C-alpha cells in the first residue's frame, strides 16, 4: 500500500472516538484491501483452530485452512502438541484430511511417510537418487498454543505468544467460564454472508442497534448493566442476565447468569451466554471482499444439548442471526454507493453496550495493519 492511499482511507480517524470518523467504505469492497489483510493480519495473528479436546490423545490430529494455507495440528507420541503446513515435501500434496488419529503420516500421493514430529521416516525409491538423506527432510512447523483450552495457531514464526499479546484475557475468560476444559463440542452453525468480514465484526462490536433490531435479545440481558471495555487486541462485552421470562429462550434453571462476550483480534468472538455451563466460539472467515463465512461452535456440559440449549441454538439460528445478517448485508450494499464514505462513532463516557467505542478500537487495529503494509 502506498502512503497516499493510506492517508486517504485513514483520513478523519483519530484516537479519540468522540472526535473520530470511521474506516473508509472502500476498505469494505475493494479486493486489494483483502490481499493486504491476508498478509498483514491473518498470516500474522493467532487463529482459532479447535478445542483442545480434539487433540488430547497421542496421534490425534485436526486439519483446517487459514486463508488458503492448509494446516494440521497433531499430538506426537511424547505428548507434545505440534502444527505444520499440511503439505508433503516431495510434491506438495496435502497429507491429512479432516480429523482423526495416526501413528504415522503417509502422503496419499507417493506414500512418503513422516513421524508425528514432522521428520521424514521414509521416501519410496529414494535410495536411487544422490545427495538425499531422510534426516534432512522435515515438515515446516507453525506456532501453536493452547489458550483457555482452545487451540490457536500463528503463521508468523516471530509472533509473541497469544498469552502475552492478550494480557488479562485468559484470566477474564476463566473467571467467567471455569469449566471450559470440561465442556464438550455439541453443535456447529455455519453461514455464508454477502458482506465484508469487517462489516460483520463492526456489527458484532456494538449493541447500539440492539434495541432497534434485537428486541428479543434485549430481554435476555439486562441492558442497563451492559459494559464494554477495550484492551490491546481484545474487547470485553459484559451484562447480567435479564428476566427468566425473557422472549429469547428459557433460562429458568440457569447456573450461568452472566452474558460474557469477548472479541479477539482479528476475527474471533468468544461467548458465555445465560443457561447451563456453556462456551461458544464464533469465527468470521473472509472468503472475498464482499463475502464472509461464519462458523459458530457450541460447547456444553454434554455432547448432546438439553432442550433449553436446543432452544438457545434455535434462537440464535432462526432469530438473532437472520436479524444480524439482514443488517450487515444492507450495510454492505450501502458501502458500494457514492452515498456513504465514512460515518461517526456514537460513543458515551460510560462505555455502555450502546456505545460504539469498540468499533473504533477495531478500526484502529485494522489501520495499524494497513500502516505496516506502507512500511514494507
Foldseek 3Di string as FASTA:
>chain_A
DAPVVLCVQLPQADPDQVRGWFGWLCCQFPQVNVVLCVVLFQQADKDFFFFLVQAQDAQKKAWDDGVNFTKMWHQHPVRDIWMFGQADPPPGAGFDDGIDGDQWTFRPPQGFIAGNQFQTDDGPPPVPDPPDDSRVGGTHTWDWDQQLRTIITHNDPPHDDPCVQVDCPSVVVCVQQVPSNQWDWADKDKDKFQTALLLLVLLVQFCLCCVPQPVLVCQQFPQVQWAWADDRFKIKTKTFTHDCPGNQFHLPPWPRGMWIWMDGPDFWIWTDGTHYRKIKIWGWHDPGSRMTMIMIIIIHNDNHDDPRVVSNVCSCVPGVVVSSSVVSNVVRVVSVDPVDTIGRWAADPRRGSSGSVVSSVNSVVSSVSVVVVNVD
